[in-house]
């Protein structure tokens, strides 16, 4: 302590306890010495205060010393440079000299400094230059497809991928992309085929006629065995048969003005709400002779159908609010909907406006005595 701070040699030595070993650089020692010279005596009144001053000044001095950035940190914060053919040629030369091996952290830092690119750019370019792209031909894709079919669409192992890469002259990225694409195609083909291996065929008018006859014969009620028999007769997939059944069922029950009026009456009677249970849906389908999809479409139209709000309609709603001095109940709301032919949202907006207008009219102005 006396060597570091000559001005403190007249003070009692028990007040100055520096660590026995100090491995700080020379610049840090000099900075600490200047700090200790400028410190008043009462600051170093205890070993704890001296240790605190030592640690604080050490952190400050460490931050002021300029150091070279770490070769492995701050990849994302480095500014990107312009990639030119000359810089790529320099990286190709580096790979040739190092037997196609990636650089270490120190070599990566040196390369980025020499060619004026960020370390992330240099690392990405080296990965691409190590494995140049090969030519993807139909013969190569056909070979890969047959290999996957032979192995039941299983993913190749690492050893098998290395052999394919050497045979097809592709890089690993190209090979992985082609394998994933072909495996997805084979899986879709297997899924679209029937249980007997018949691929999905194009739907013709004869298929539609057979499905329509099936619906008329079984009166919209059939078993799974009958559905499977229809699938075999039409040589279609199960998904195609179900879609045809739905389309033919909807076309067999055309929408008439009477059915639309019946749906609209039910909709307004239930305060513009959809059926809440499966039994309610089934009862509505039986009453209207419409499918679930057709009912959904009618409900959507009824909810979005906006009627022009005339002064007579607006006045009727305002008179109702002024007469009852409250908001309507569910039954009264249904009666208002049938009377005004408004949509649910339109009636709700008009009721809110009428209530605000009534509240502002009945509220006394500020400053008047109660």
Foldseek 3Di string as FASTA:
>chain_A
DCVLAVVCPPPDPQLDDDDPDDPDDPQLSVQVSVVVNPDDPVQSRHHVSNVVSSVVSSVVSVVPDDDDDFLPPDLVVDDADDDDVVLLVVLLVVCVVVVLDDDDSVVLVVSCVVVVGGSVVSVVSSVDSSQDADDDDPVLLVVLLVVCVVVVNDDDDPVVLVVSCVVRVGGSVVSVVSSVVSSVVVVVQVVQAAPVRQHADDDDVVLLVLLLVVCVVVVNDDDPVVLVVNCVVSVHHSVVSVVSNVVSQQVVQDDDPVLLVVLLLVCLQQLLDDDDDPVVVVVNCVVSVHDPVVSVVSSVCLQPDADDDDPVLLVVLLVVCVVVVDDDDSNVSSVNCVVSVGHSVVSVVSNVVSNVVVVVVPDDDPPDDD
